Amino acid sequence: MDYVFEPAPQASLAVVGSKKRFPVRRVFCVGRNYGAHAREMGHDPDREPPFFFTKPADAVIDMPEKWPYPPETSDLHHEIELVVMIGKGGQNIDKSVANDHIFGYAVGLDMTRRDLQGAAKKLGRPWDWGKAFDFSAPCGPVYPIEETGLIESGEIWLKVNGQVRQTGDIADLIWSVPEVIEIISRSMTLQPGDVIMTGTPAGVGAVVAGDQISAGIDRLSKIETMVF
């Protein structure tokens, strides 16, 4: 097929134990999916219907040694998340079989220009400028589910300059991974390569150039990067 210019490279992530890479198709993000984080953001966490926002596929990058501070913000926040990689597509997927559609998991950061997000919220506008900027979803390598087993519980944490900022347990998700897969697939057909960022625990906060971020989830490798 001929194009008017060369297409952008396929966004992808490294896969543990393989030379092949996981191709990223779409990125779905679940908002306020831990009770403590919902409360710190001023909302009621009692199983209100979940809501979603998206990031472009090329926001997903392999976790770099140095991550660039984005433009047009003075309030950049970290959000550590369990990232779920879809390996088998489907529509109207029942939560009882949703785990069959998972290829694997990764540790990821939903980096957020909180000042731009807050301004958009006040005006009733979309969050895109706060959430969907370049490199806003750096991730560690993908662990195939055959290697980890189902991740339904386990510590999730993030430190800045060695100080704990966020900590929680995957079991504390308000909407579990199977439920999230079921809900998304009611609205649109999930496809192989789709990525779901499942929400962040309490403790989100600002980082500045020079800060060192480290984070991890039980059974997945720790990630580290320095903001510059």
Protein backbone atom coordinates (compact mmCIF):
# COMPACT_ATOMS: atom_id res chain seq x y z
CA MET A 1 0.00 0.00 0.00
CA ASP A 2 1.25 3.47 -0.89
CA TYR A 3 0.95 6.36 1.56
CA VAL A 4 1.45 10.08 1.05
CA PHE A 5 4.22 9.88 3.67
CA GLU A 6 5.82 7.12 5.75
CA PRO A 7 3.45 5.91 8.51
CA ALA A 8 4.53 6.34 12.11
CA PRO A 9 6.21 3.31 13.69
CA GLN A 10 3.93 0.86 15.48
CA ALA A 11 3.81 1.62 19.22
CA SER A 12 4.93 -1.44 21.16
CA LEU A 13 6.39 -2.74 24.41
CA ALA A 14 9.06 -5.30 25.21
CA VAL A 15 7.84 -8.75 26.29
CA VAL A 16 9.68 -10.62 29.01
CA GLY A 17 11.33 -13.79 27.74
CA SER A 18 10.76 -13.00 24.07
CA LYS A 19 12.37 -11.09 21.21
CA LYS A 20 8.87 -10.26 19.98
CA ARG A 21 7.13 -7.08 21.12
CA PHE A 22 3.54 -6.37 22.16
CA PRO A 23 1.89 -4.03 19.59
CA VAL A 24 -0.23 -1.31 21.21
CA ARG A 25 -3.54 -0.55 19.50
CA ARG A 26 -5.57 1.63 21.89
CA VAL A 27 -5.15 2.76 25.51
CA PHE A 28 -8.15 2.77 27.84
CA CYS A 29 -7.74 4.29 31.32
CA VAL A 30 -10.11 3.74 34.25
CA GLY A 31 -10.68 6.87 36.35
CA ARG A 32 -10.75 6.81 40.16
CA ASN A 33 -10.68 3.02 40.58
CA TYR A 34 -9.26 2.93 44.12
CA GLY A 35 -11.43 4.21 46.97
CA ALA A 36 -8.70 6.20 48.74
CA HIS A 37 -7.66 7.92 45.51
CA ALA A 38 -11.30 8.76 44.69
CA ARG A 39 -11.61 10.38 48.11
CA GLU A 40 -8.37 12.36 47.78
CA MET A 41 -9.74 13.72 44.49
CA GLY A 42 -12.98 14.73 46.24
CA HIS A 43 -15.33 11.98 45.02
CA ASP A 44 -17.45 9.17 46.48
CA PRO A 45 -15.82 5.80 45.74
CA ASP A 46 -18.85 3.57 46.47
CA ARG A 47 -19.02 1.66 43.19
CA GLU A 48 -20.33 4.53 41.12
CA PRO A 49 -20.36 3.45 37.46
CA PRO A 50 -16.78 3.52 36.17
CA PHE A 51 -15.71 6.08 33.62
CA PHE A 52 -12.90 5.97 31.10
CA PHE A 53 -10.55 8.23 29.22
CA THR A 54 -8.03 7.34 26.54
CA LYS A 55 -4.47 8.03 25.52
CA PRO A 56 -2.97 7.68 22.04
CA ALA A 57 -1.13 4.45 21.36
CA ASP A 58 2.20 6.21 20.99
CA ALA A 59 1.89 7.66 24.50
CA VAL A 60 2.98 4.15 25.54
CA ILE A 61 6.76 3.79 25.54
CA ASP A 62 9.31 1.47 27.12
CA MET A 63 10.28 2.90 30.49
CA PRO A 64 13.22 5.22 29.71
CA GLU A 65 16.20 5.96 31.96
CA LYS A 66 15.19 9.62 31.67
CA TRP A 67 11.64 10.84 31.07
CA PRO A 68 11.09 14.39 29.68
CA TYR A 69 9.09 16.91 31.69
CA PRO A 70 6.27 17.97 29.33
CA PRO A 71 5.51 21.53 28.21
CA GLU A 72 2.65 23.78 29.37
CA THR A 73 2.46 22.49 32.94
CA SER A 74 3.78 23.44 36.36
CA ASP A 75 1.95 20.65 38.21
CA LEU A 76 2.98 17.27 36.77
CA HIS A 77 1.70 14.28 38.76
CA HIS A 78 2.68 10.61 38.92
CA GLU A 79 0.08 7.80 38.93
CA ILE A 80 1.27 4.18 39.25
CA GLU A 81 -1.01 1.61 37.58
CA LEU A 82 -1.39 -2.08 36.81
CA VAL A 83 -1.55 -2.23 33.01
CA VAL A 84 -3.48 -5.07 31.36
CA MET A 85 -2.64 -6.17 27.82
CA ILE A 86 -5.45 -7.71 25.74
CA GLY A 87 -4.41 -10.68 23.61
CA LYS A 88 -7.81 -11.90 22.41
CA GLY A 89 -10.56 -9.58 21.26
CA GLY A 90 -14.28 -9.76 21.76
CA GLN A 91 -17.54 -7.92 22.31
CA ASN A 92 -19.94 -8.28 25.25
CA ILE A 93 -17.34 -10.33 27.13
CA ASP A 94 -18.72 -11.77 30.35
CA LYS A 95 -16.58 -11.14 33.42
CA SER A 96 -16.55 -14.90 34.11
CA VAL A 97 -14.37 -15.44 31.01
CA ALA A 98 -12.71 -12.02 30.78
CA ASN A 99 -9.36 -13.27 32.08
CA ASP A 100 -9.12 -15.53 29.01
CA HIS A 101 -8.65 -12.36 26.93
CA ILE A 102 -5.56 -11.15 28.83
CA PHE A 103 -2.15 -11.55 27.21
CA GLY A 104 -0.20 -10.16 30.15
CA TYR A 105 0.52 -7.36 32.58
CA ALA A 106 2.96 -4.48 33.05
CA VAL A 107 3.74 -1.73 35.53
CA GLY A 108 2.91 1.66 34.04
CA LEU A 109 2.71 5.37 34.85
CA ASP A 110 -0.26 7.54 33.93
CA MET A 111 1.60 10.85 33.96
CA THR A 112 -0.81 13.77 34.31
CA ARG A 113 -0.60 17.51 33.73
CA ARG A 114 -2.87 18.09 36.75
CA ASP A 115 -3.20 21.84 36.25
CA LEU A 116 -4.46 21.37 32.70
CA GLN A 117 -6.77 18.55 33.78
CA GLY A 118 -8.16 20.68 36.61
CA ALA A 119 -8.82 23.63 34.32
CA ALA A 120 -10.65 21.35 31.87
CA LYS A 121 -12.78 19.89 34.67
CA LYS A 122 -13.88 23.35 35.84
CA LEU A 123 -14.98 24.23 32.31
CA GLY A 124 -16.65 20.86 31.65
CA ARG A 125 -14.21 20.11 28.86
CA PRO A 126 -12.39 16.89 27.91
CA TRP A 127 -9.20 15.96 29.79
CA ASP A 128 -7.08 15.22 26.71
CA TRP A 129 -4.54 18.03 27.23
CA GLY A 130 -3.98 16.87 30.80
CA LYS A 131 -3.71 13.15 30.08
CA ALA A 132 -2.92 12.39 26.43
CA PHE A 133 0.35 14.21 25.81
CA ASP A 134 3.58 12.77 24.34
CA PHE A 135 5.16 9.89 26.30
CA SER A 136 2.45 10.12 29.00
CA ALA A 137 2.22 6.35 29.55
CA PRO A 138 5.73 4.91 30.08
CA CYS A 139 5.59 1.22 30.95
CA GLY A 140 7.82 -1.58 32.09
CA PRO A 141 8.07 -4.82 30.09
CA VAL A 142 5.01 -6.98 29.51
CA TYR A 143 4.85 -10.19 31.55
CA PRO A 144 2.78 -12.92 29.83
CA ILE A 145 -0.01 -14.21 32.04
CA GLU A 146 1.42 -17.72 31.73
CA GLU A 147 4.41 -16.48 33.71
CA THR A 148 2.65 -14.43 36.39
CA GLY A 149 -0.71 -16.14 36.75
CA LEU A 150 -3.73 -13.93 37.35
CA ILE A 151 -2.86 -10.74 39.21
CA GLU A 152 -5.84 -10.15 41.45
CA SER A 153 -3.98 -8.96 44.56
CA GLY A 154 -0.53 -7.80 45.57
CA GLU A 155 1.20 -4.61 46.63
CA ILE A 156 1.35 -1.66 44.25
CA TRP A 157 3.69 1.20 45.21
CA LEU A 158 5.56 4.26 44.00
CA LYS A 159 8.47 6.22 45.48
CA VAL A 160 9.93 9.60 44.57
CA ASN A 161 13.56 10.10 45.55
CA GLY A 162 13.30 7.04 47.77
CA GLN A 163 10.25 8.30 49.70
CA VAL A 164 7.00 6.34 49.49
CA ARG A 165 4.26 8.36 47.81
CA GLN A 166 1.70 5.72 46.75
CA THR A 167 0.92 2.32 48.17
CA GLY A 168 -2.06 -0.03 47.94
CA ASP A 169 -3.15 -3.49 46.92
CA ILE A 170 -4.53 -4.64 43.57
CA ALA A 171 -7.32 -6.33 45.55
CA ASP A 172 -8.52 -2.81 46.47
CA LEU A 173 -9.65 -2.03 42.90
CA ILE A 174 -13.25 -0.82 43.05
CA TRP A 175 -13.92 -2.41 39.66
CA SER A 176 -11.87 -5.59 39.14
CA VAL A 177 -10.00 -6.30 35.91
CA PRO A 178 -12.64 -8.80 34.68
CA GLU A 179 -15.40 -6.30 35.41
CA VAL A 180 -13.54 -3.54 33.57
CA ILE A 181 -13.04 -5.79 30.53
CA GLU A 182 -16.76 -6.66 30.56
CA ILE A 183 -17.81 -3.01 30.79
CA ILE A 184 -15.50 -1.76 28.03
CA SER A 185 -16.53 -4.60 25.69
CA ARG A 186 -20.20 -3.62 26.00
CA SER A 187 -19.44 -0.28 24.33
CA MET A 188 -16.89 -1.34 21.72
CA THR A 189 -15.18 -4.45 20.49
CA LEU A 190 -11.91 -5.06 22.31
CA GLN A 191 -9.09 -6.05 19.98
CA PRO A 192 -5.69 -7.71 20.45
CA GLY A 193 -3.22 -4.99 21.31
CA ASP A 194 -5.66 -2.93 23.36
CA VAL A 195 -4.22 -1.77 26.68
CA ILE A 196 -6.11 -1.04 29.90
CA MET A 197 -4.62 1.16 32.62
CA THR A 198 -6.63 0.05 35.65
CA GLY A 199 -6.40 3.02 38.02
CA THR A 200 -4.07 4.38 40.68
CA PRO A 201 -4.03 4.19 44.50
CA ALA A 202 -3.95 7.21 46.79
CA GLY A 203 -0.90 9.42 47.16
CA VAL A 204 -0.61 11.03 43.72
CA GLY A 205 1.58 14.10 43.75
CA ALA A 206 3.85 16.41 41.83
CA VAL A 207 7.30 15.68 40.43
CA VAL A 208 9.87 18.10 39.05
CA ALA A 209 12.96 17.83 36.89
CA GLY A 210 15.64 15.85 38.71
CA ASP A 211 13.21 13.64 40.63
CA GLN A 212 13.81 9.88 40.56
CA ILE A 213 10.67 7.76 40.27
CA SER A 214 10.66 4.07 41.18
CA ALA A 215 7.57 1.88 41.29
CA GLY A 216 6.46 -1.73 41.30
CA ILE A 217 3.74 -4.34 41.60
CA ASP A 218 4.13 -7.79 43.12
CA ARG A 219 5.23 -10.39 40.52
CA LEU A 220 6.23 -7.67 38.02
CA SER A 221 9.61 -5.96 37.65
CA LYS A 222 10.30 -2.62 39.32
CA ILE A 223 10.44 0.40 37.03
CA GLU A 224 12.69 3.42 37.42
CA THR A 225 13.11 6.71 35.58
CA MET A 226 14.40 10.20 36.24
CA VAL A 227 12.39 13.26 35.23
CA PHE A 228 14.47 15.78 33.28
